[in-house]
All heavy atoms as atom14 arrays in JSON, in Angstrom:
{
  "sequence": "ARERTVPISGQIIREKALDFAKQFNEPDFKASEG",
  "atom14_mask": [
    [1, 1, 1, 1, 1, 0, 0, 0, 0, 0, 0, 0, 0, 0],
    [1, 1, 1, 1, 1, 1, 1, 1, 1, 1, 1, 0, 0, 0],
    [1, 1, 1, 1, 1, 1, 1, 1, 1, 0, 0, 0, 0, 0],
    [1, 1, 1, 1, 1, 1, 1, 1, 1, 1, 1, 0, 0, 0],
    [1, 1, 1, 1, 1, 1, 1, 0, 0, 0, 0, 0, 0, 0],
    [1, 1, 1, 1, 1, 1, 1, 0, 0, 0, 0, 0, 0, 0],
    [1, 1, 1, 1, 1, 1, 1, 0, 0, 0, 0, 0, 0, 0],
    [1, 1, 1, 1, 1, 1, 1, 1, 0, 0, 0, 0, 0, 0],
    [1, 1, 1, 1, 1, 1, 0, 0, 0, 0, 0, 0, 0, 0],
    [1, 1, 1, 1, 0, 0, 0, 0, 0, 0, 0, 0, 0, 0],
    [1, 1, 1, 1, 1, 1, 1, 1, 1, 0, 0, 0, 0, 0],
    [1, 1, 1, 1, 1, 1, 1, 1, 0, 0, 0, 0, 0, 0],
    [1, 1, 1, 1, 1, 1, 1, 1, 0, 0, 0, 0, 0, 0],
    [1, 1, 1, 1, 1, 1, 1, 1, 1, 1, 1, 0, 0, 0],
    [1, 1, 1, 1, 1, 1, 1, 1, 1, 0, 0, 0, 0, 0],
    [1, 1, 1, 1, 1, 1, 1, 1, 1, 0, 0, 0, 0, 0],
    [1, 1, 1, 1, 1, 0, 0, 0, 0, 0, 0, 0, 0, 0],
    [1, 1, 1, 1, 1, 1, 1, 1, 0, 0, 0, 0, 0, 0],
    [1, 1, 1, 1, 1, 1, 1, 1, 0, 0, 0, 0, 0, 0],
    [1, 1, 1, 1, 1, 1, 1, 1, 1, 1, 1, 0, 0, 0],
    [1, 1, 1, 1, 1, 0, 0, 0, 0, 0, 0, 0, 0, 0],
    [1, 1, 1, 1, 1, 1, 1, 1, 1, 0, 0, 0, 0, 0],
    [1, 1, 1, 1, 1, 1, 1, 1, 1, 0, 0, 0, 0, 0],
    [1, 1, 1, 1, 1, 1, 1, 1, 1, 1, 1, 0, 0, 0],
    [1, 1, 1, 1, 1, 1, 1, 1, 0, 0, 0, 0, 0, 0],
    [1, 1, 1, 1, 1, 1, 1, 1, 1, 0, 0, 0, 0, 0],
    [1, 1, 1, 1, 1, 1, 1, 0, 0, 0, 0, 0, 0, 0],
    [1, 1, 1, 1, 1, 1, 1, 1, 0, 0, 0, 0, 0, 0],
    [1, 1, 1, 1, 1, 1, 1, 1, 1, 1, 1, 0, 0, 0],
    [1, 1, 1, 1, 1, 1, 1, 1, 1, 0, 0, 0, 0, 0],
    [1, 1, 1, 1, 1, 0, 0, 0, 0, 0, 0, 0, 0, 0],
    [1, 1, 1, 1, 1, 1, 0, 0, 0, 0, 0, 0, 0, 0],
    [1, 1, 1, 1, 1, 1, 1, 1, 1, 0, 0, 0, 0, 0],
    [1, 1, 1, 1, 0, 0, 0, 0, 0, 0, 0, 0, 0, 0]
  ],
  "atom14_positions": [
    [[69.83, 6.79, 18.19], [69.77, 7.14, 16.77], [70.03, 8.59, 16.56], [70.72, 8.98, 15.64], [68.4, 6.75, 16.17], [0.0, 0.0, 0.0], [0.0, 0.0, 0.0], [0.0, 0.0, 0.0], [0.0, 0.0, 0.0], [0.0, 0.0, 0.0], [0.0, 0.0, 0.0], [0.0, 0.0, 0.0], [0.0, 0.0, 0.0], [0.0, 0.0, 0.0]],
    [[69.46, 9.44, 17.4], [69.66, 10.89, 17.26], [71.07, 11.3, 17.61], [71.59, 12.29, 17.08], [68.66, 11.65, 18.15], [67.24, 11.6, 17.62], [67.15, 12.15, 16.2], [67.62, 13.51, 16.09], [68.29, 14.02, 15.03], [68.59, 13.26, 14.0], [68.67, 15.29, 15.02], [0.0, 0.0, 0.0], [0.0, 0.0, 0.0], [0.0, 0.0, 0.0]],
    [[71.73, 10.58, 18.51], [73.13, 10.87, 18.82], [74.0, 10.64, 17.58], [75.06, 11.25, 17.45], [73.58, 9.98, 19.99], [73.08, 10.46, 21.36], [73.55, 9.57, 22.49], [74.09, 8.47, 22.17], [73.33, 9.92, 23.64], [0.0, 0.0, 0.0], [0.0, 0.0, 0.0], [0.0, 0.0, 0.0], [0.0, 0.0, 0.0], [0.0, 0.0, 0.0]],
    [[73.53, 9.74, 16.74], [74.23, 9.49, 15.45], [73.69, 10.3, 14.32], [73.99, 10.06, 13.15], [74.18, 7.99, 15.13], [74.95, 7.12, 16.15], [74.9, 5.66, 15.78], [73.61, 5.06, 16.11], [72.77, 4.58, 15.22], [73.07, 4.61, 13.94], [71.64, 4.05, 15.61], [0.0, 0.0, 0.0], [0.0, 0.0, 0.0], [0.0, 0.0, 0.0]],
    [[72.84, 11.27, 14.68], [72.2, 12.23, 13.72], [71.4, 11.53, 12.68], [71.29, 11.99, 11.55], [73.22, 13.2, 13.09], [74.11, 12.44, 12.25], [74.03, 13.92, 14.15], [0.0, 0.0, 0.0], [0.0, 0.0, 0.0], [0.0, 0.0, 0.0], [0.0, 0.0, 0.0], [0.0, 0.0, 0.0], [0.0, 0.0, 0.0], [0.0, 0.0, 0.0]],
    [[70.8, 10.41, 13.0], [69.95, 9.7, 12.01], [68.54, 10.37, 12.03], [67.95, 10.52, 13.08], [69.78, 8.21, 12.42], [68.82, 7.51, 11.45], [71.13, 7.52, 12.45], [0.0, 0.0, 0.0], [0.0, 0.0, 0.0], [0.0, 0.0, 0.0], [0.0, 0.0, 0.0], [0.0, 0.0, 0.0], [0.0, 0.0, 0.0], [0.0, 0.0, 0.0]],
    [[68.07, 10.81, 10.87], [66.71, 11.45, 10.82], [65.66, 10.4, 11.15], [65.69, 9.27, 10.69], [66.62, 11.88, 9.36], [68.01, 11.95, 8.85], [68.73, 10.84, 9.57], [0.0, 0.0, 0.0], [0.0, 0.0, 0.0], [0.0, 0.0, 0.0], [0.0, 0.0, 0.0], [0.0, 0.0, 0.0], [0.0, 0.0, 0.0], [0.0, 0.0, 0.0]],
    [[64.71, 10.76, 12.01], [63.69, 9.85, 12.46], [62.3, 10.41, 12.14], [61.97, 11.54, 12.54], [63.76, 9.65, 13.98], [65.18, 9.18, 14.4], [62.71, 8.64, 14.46], [65.53, 7.82, 13.86], [0.0, 0.0, 0.0], [0.0, 0.0, 0.0], [0.0, 0.0, 0.0], [0.0, 0.0, 0.0], [0.0, 0.0, 0.0], [0.0, 0.0, 0.0]],
    [[61.51, 9.64, 11.46], [60.14, 10.02, 11.13], [59.15, 9.28, 12.09], [59.53, 8.34, 12.75], [59.78, 9.69, 9.67], [59.75, 8.27, 9.5], [0.0, 0.0, 0.0], [0.0, 0.0, 0.0], [0.0, 0.0, 0.0], [0.0, 0.0, 0.0], [0.0, 0.0, 0.0], [0.0, 0.0, 0.0], [0.0, 0.0, 0.0], [0.0, 0.0, 0.0]],
    [[57.88, 9.73, 12.07], [56.88, 9.07, 12.86], [56.68, 7.61, 12.47], [56.5, 6.74, 13.33], [0.0, 0.0, 0.0], [0.0, 0.0, 0.0], [0.0, 0.0, 0.0], [0.0, 0.0, 0.0], [0.0, 0.0, 0.0], [0.0, 0.0, 0.0], [0.0, 0.0, 0.0], [0.0, 0.0, 0.0], [0.0, 0.0, 0.0], [0.0, 0.0, 0.0]],
    [[56.72, 7.35, 11.17], [56.53, 5.99, 10.68], [57.69, 5.08, 11.16], [57.44, 3.92, 11.51], [56.48, 5.97, 9.16], [56.11, 4.6, 8.55], [54.79, 4.06, 8.98], [53.84, 4.81, 9.17], [54.75, 2.77, 9.23], [0.0, 0.0, 0.0], [0.0, 0.0, 0.0], [0.0, 0.0, 0.0], [0.0, 0.0, 0.0], [0.0, 0.0, 0.0]],
    [[58.88, 5.59, 11.17], [60.01, 4.82, 11.65], [59.85, 4.47, 13.12], [60.1, 3.3, 13.56], [61.34, 5.59, 11.45], [61.65, 5.69, 9.94], [62.5, 4.88, 12.16], [62.86, 6.53, 9.63], [0.0, 0.0, 0.0], [0.0, 0.0, 0.0], [0.0, 0.0, 0.0], [0.0, 0.0, 0.0], [0.0, 0.0, 0.0], [0.0, 0.0, 0.0]],
    [[59.4, 5.43, 13.94], [59.16, 5.21, 15.38], [58.12, 4.12, 15.57], [58.29, 3.23, 16.39], [58.78, 6.52, 16.05], [59.89, 7.52, 16.03], [58.33, 6.23, 17.52], [59.51, 8.91, 16.58], [0.0, 0.0, 0.0], [0.0, 0.0, 0.0], [0.0, 0.0, 0.0], [0.0, 0.0, 0.0], [0.0, 0.0, 0.0], [0.0, 0.0, 0.0]],
    [[57.04, 4.2, 14.82], [55.98, 3.23, 14.94], [56.43, 1.83, 14.55], [56.07, 0.83, 15.22], [54.77, 3.66, 14.12], [54.11, 4.96, 14.63], [53.1, 5.51, 13.65], [51.99, 4.6, 13.4], [51.09, 4.76, 12.49], [51.15, 5.8, 11.65], [50.1, 3.89, 12.35], [0.0, 0.0, 0.0], [0.0, 0.0, 0.0], [0.0, 0.0, 0.0]],
    [[57.21, 1.72, 13.47], [57.7, 0.43, 13.02], [58.64, -0.15, 14.08], [58.64, -1.36, 14.36], [58.43, 0.59, 11.71], [57.53, 0.84, 10.51], [56.59, -0.29, 10.19], [56.95, -1.45, 10.54], [55.5, -0.04, 9.64], [0.0, 0.0, 0.0], [0.0, 0.0, 0.0], [0.0, 0.0, 0.0], [0.0, 0.0, 0.0], [0.0, 0.0, 0.0]],
    [[59.47, 0.72, 14.67], [60.41, 0.24, 15.7], [59.62, -0.23, 16.94], [60.0, -1.22, 17.58], [61.37, 1.38, 16.08], [62.61, 0.89, 16.81], [63.43, -0.02, 15.9], [64.66, -0.6, 16.62], [65.42, -1.48, 15.77], [0.0, 0.0, 0.0], [0.0, 0.0, 0.0], [0.0, 0.0, 0.0], [0.0, 0.0, 0.0], [0.0, 0.0, 0.0]],
    [[58.55, 0.46, 17.27], [57.73, 0.08, 18.41], [57.13, -1.31, 18.19], [57.05, -2.13, 19.1], [56.63, 1.13, 18.64], [0.0, 0.0, 0.0], [0.0, 0.0, 0.0], [0.0, 0.0, 0.0], [0.0, 0.0, 0.0], [0.0, 0.0, 0.0], [0.0, 0.0, 0.0], [0.0, 0.0, 0.0], [0.0, 0.0, 0.0], [0.0, 0.0, 0.0]],
    [[56.69, -1.54, 16.96], [56.13, -2.88, 16.61], [57.22, -3.95, 16.71], [56.92, -5.1, 17.16], [55.53, -2.83, 15.19], [54.24, -2.03, 15.04], [53.86, -1.96, 13.57], [53.11, -2.65, 15.87], [0.0, 0.0, 0.0], [0.0, 0.0, 0.0], [0.0, 0.0, 0.0], [0.0, 0.0, 0.0], [0.0, 0.0, 0.0], [0.0, 0.0, 0.0]],
    [[58.45, -3.65, 16.32], [59.54, -4.6, 16.47], [59.77, -4.97, 17.95], [59.93, -6.14, 18.28], [60.85, -3.99, 15.91], [60.84, -3.96, 14.36], [60.0, -4.65, 13.78], [61.66, -3.23, 13.79], [0.0, 0.0, 0.0], [0.0, 0.0, 0.0], [0.0, 0.0, 0.0], [0.0, 0.0, 0.0], [0.0, 0.0, 0.0], [0.0, 0.0, 0.0]],
    [[59.76, -3.96, 18.79], [59.92, -4.23, 20.23], [58.75, -4.97, 20.8], [58.92, -5.81, 21.68], [60.13, -2.9, 20.99], [61.49, -2.31, 20.85], [61.66, -1.04, 20.32], [62.62, -3.02, 21.24], [62.94, -0.48, 20.18], [63.88, -2.48, 21.11], [64.04, -1.21, 20.59], [0.0, 0.0, 0.0], [0.0, 0.0, 0.0], [0.0, 0.0, 0.0]],
    [[57.52, -4.7, 20.3], [56.35, -5.43, 20.76], [56.48, -6.91, 20.46], [56.1, -7.79, 21.28], [55.09, -4.86, 20.07], [0.0, 0.0, 0.0], [0.0, 0.0, 0.0], [0.0, 0.0, 0.0], [0.0, 0.0, 0.0], [0.0, 0.0, 0.0], [0.0, 0.0, 0.0], [0.0, 0.0, 0.0], [0.0, 0.0, 0.0], [0.0, 0.0, 0.0]],
    [[57.04, -7.25, 19.31], [57.26, -8.67, 18.97], [58.31, -9.28, 19.9], [58.16, -10.4, 20.36], [57.73, -8.78, 17.54], [56.65, -8.46, 16.5], [57.19, -8.58, 15.09], [56.11, -8.27, 14.05], [56.62, -8.37, 12.65], [0.0, 0.0, 0.0], [0.0, 0.0, 0.0], [0.0, 0.0, 0.0], [0.0, 0.0, 0.0], [0.0, 0.0, 0.0]],
    [[59.38, -8.53, 20.15], [60.45, -9.02, 21.04], [59.93, -9.26, 22.44], [60.33, -10.2, 23.13], [61.61, -8.02, 21.08], [62.34, -7.85, 19.76], [63.47, -6.84, 19.88], [64.16, -6.75, 20.89], [63.66, -6.08, 18.81], [0.0, 0.0, 0.0], [0.0, 0.0, 0.0], [0.0, 0.0, 0.0], [0.0, 0.0, 0.0], [0.0, 0.0, 0.0]],
    [[59.04, -8.39, 22.95], [58.51, -8.48, 24.28], [57.24, -9.31, 24.37], [56.58, -9.4, 25.43], [58.2, -7.07, 24.85], [59.4, -6.19, 24.94], [59.31, -4.85, 24.73], [60.65, -6.71, 25.25], [60.42, -4.0, 24.83], [61.79, -5.89, 25.36], [61.67, -4.54, 25.13], [0.0, 0.0, 0.0], [0.0, 0.0, 0.0], [0.0, 0.0, 0.0]],
    [[56.85, -9.92, 23.24], [55.66, -10.76, 23.17], [54.42, -10.03, 23.64], [53.7, -10.46, 24.53], [55.87, -12.04, 24.03], [54.83, -13.09, 23.73], [54.27, -13.14, 22.64], [54.54, -13.96, 24.73], [0.0, 0.0, 0.0], [0.0, 0.0, 0.0], [0.0, 0.0, 0.0], [0.0, 0.0, 0.0], [0.0, 0.0, 0.0], [0.0, 0.0, 0.0]],
    [[54.2, -8.88, 22.96], [53.04, -8.07, 23.26], [52.17, -7.98, 21.99], [52.14, -7.0, 21.29], [53.45, -6.65, 23.67], [54.28, -6.55, 24.93], [53.46, -6.69, 26.18], [52.22, -6.95, 26.08], [54.0, -6.5, 27.29], [0.0, 0.0, 0.0], [0.0, 0.0, 0.0], [0.0, 0.0, 0.0], [0.0, 0.0, 0.0], [0.0, 0.0, 0.0]],
    [[51.44, -9.07, 21.67], [50.67, -9.14, 20.41], [49.54, -8.15, 20.32], [49.07, -7.82, 19.25], [50.14, -10.56, 20.39], [50.09, -10.95, 21.85], [51.27, -10.26, 22.49], [0.0, 0.0, 0.0], [0.0, 0.0, 0.0], [0.0, 0.0, 0.0], [0.0, 0.0, 0.0], [0.0, 0.0, 0.0], [0.0, 0.0, 0.0], [0.0, 0.0, 0.0]],
    [[49.06, -7.61, 21.46], [47.92, -6.69, 21.44], [48.36, -5.22, 21.28], [47.49, -4.35, 21.13], [47.13, -6.8, 22.75], [46.48, -8.19, 22.91], [46.15, -8.78, 21.87], [46.35, -8.65, 24.05], [0.0, 0.0, 0.0], [0.0, 0.0, 0.0], [0.0, 0.0, 0.0], [0.0, 0.0, 0.0], [0.0, 0.0, 0.0], [0.0, 0.0, 0.0]],
    [[49.63, -4.98, 21.3], [50.1, -3.62, 21.16], [49.85, -3.08, 19.74], [50.11, -3.75, 18.74], [51.59, -3.51, 21.43], [52.22, -2.17, 21.17], [52.05, -1.12, 22.07], [52.93, -1.96, 19.99], [52.55, 0.14, 21.79], [53.52, -0.72, 19.74], [53.3, 0.35, 20.63], [0.0, 0.0, 0.0], [0.0, 0.0, 0.0], [0.0, 0.0, 0.0]],
    [[49.33, -1.88, 19.65], [49.08, -1.23, 18.36], [49.84, 0.08, 18.31], [49.64, 0.98, 19.15], [47.58, -0.91, 18.19], [46.65, -2.12, 18.36], [46.89, -3.15, 17.26], [45.9, -4.31, 17.42], [46.16, -5.4, 16.46], [0.0, 0.0, 0.0], [0.0, 0.0, 0.0], [0.0, 0.0, 0.0], [0.0, 0.0, 0.0], [0.0, 0.0, 0.0]],
    [[50.75, 0.21, 17.35], [51.54, 1.44, 17.2], [50.71, 2.43, 16.39], [51.09, 2.8, 15.28], [52.88, 1.11, 16.56], [0.0, 0.0, 0.0], [0.0, 0.0, 0.0], [0.0, 0.0, 0.0], [0.0, 0.0, 0.0], [0.0, 0.0, 0.0], [0.0, 0.0, 0.0], [0.0, 0.0, 0.0], [0.0, 0.0, 0.0], [0.0, 0.0, 0.0]],
    [[49.63, 2.91, 16.97], [48.74, 3.8, 16.27], [49.26, 5.26, 16.31], [50.23, 5.55, 17.01], [47.36, 3.75, 16.92], [47.46, 4.22, 18.25], [0.0, 0.0, 0.0], [0.0, 0.0, 0.0], [0.0, 0.0, 0.0], [0.0, 0.0, 0.0], [0.0, 0.0, 0.0], [0.0, 0.0, 0.0], [0.0, 0.0, 0.0], [0.0, 0.0, 0.0]],
    [[48.6, 6.11, 15.55], [48.95, 7.53, 15.61], [48.72, 8.08, 16.99], [49.45, 8.93, 17.5], [48.12, 8.31, 14.59], [48.57, 8.15, 13.14], [49.88, 8.83, 12.86], [50.38, 9.62, 13.69], [50.47, 8.57, 11.78], [0.0, 0.0, 0.0], [0.0, 0.0, 0.0], [0.0, 0.0, 0.0], [0.0, 0.0, 0.0], [0.0, 0.0, 0.0]],
    [[47.67, 7.59, 17.65], [47.39, 8.03, 19.02], [48.49, 7.64, 19.99], [48.88, 8.44, 20.84], [0.0, 0.0, 0.0], [0.0, 0.0, 0.0], [0.0, 0.0, 0.0], [0.0, 0.0, 0.0], [0.0, 0.0, 0.0], [0.0, 0.0, 0.0], [0.0, 0.0, 0.0], [0.0, 0.0, 0.0], [0.0, 0.0, 0.0], [0.0, 0.0, 0.0]]
  ]
}
């Protein structure tokens, strides 16, 4: 995304992490601030 100069916020990163968690079948993963 950064190679394409797309601005990335923390919320976008967390949402993307949750998307990958669903793909990898990781229901216990929490994309928290921590």
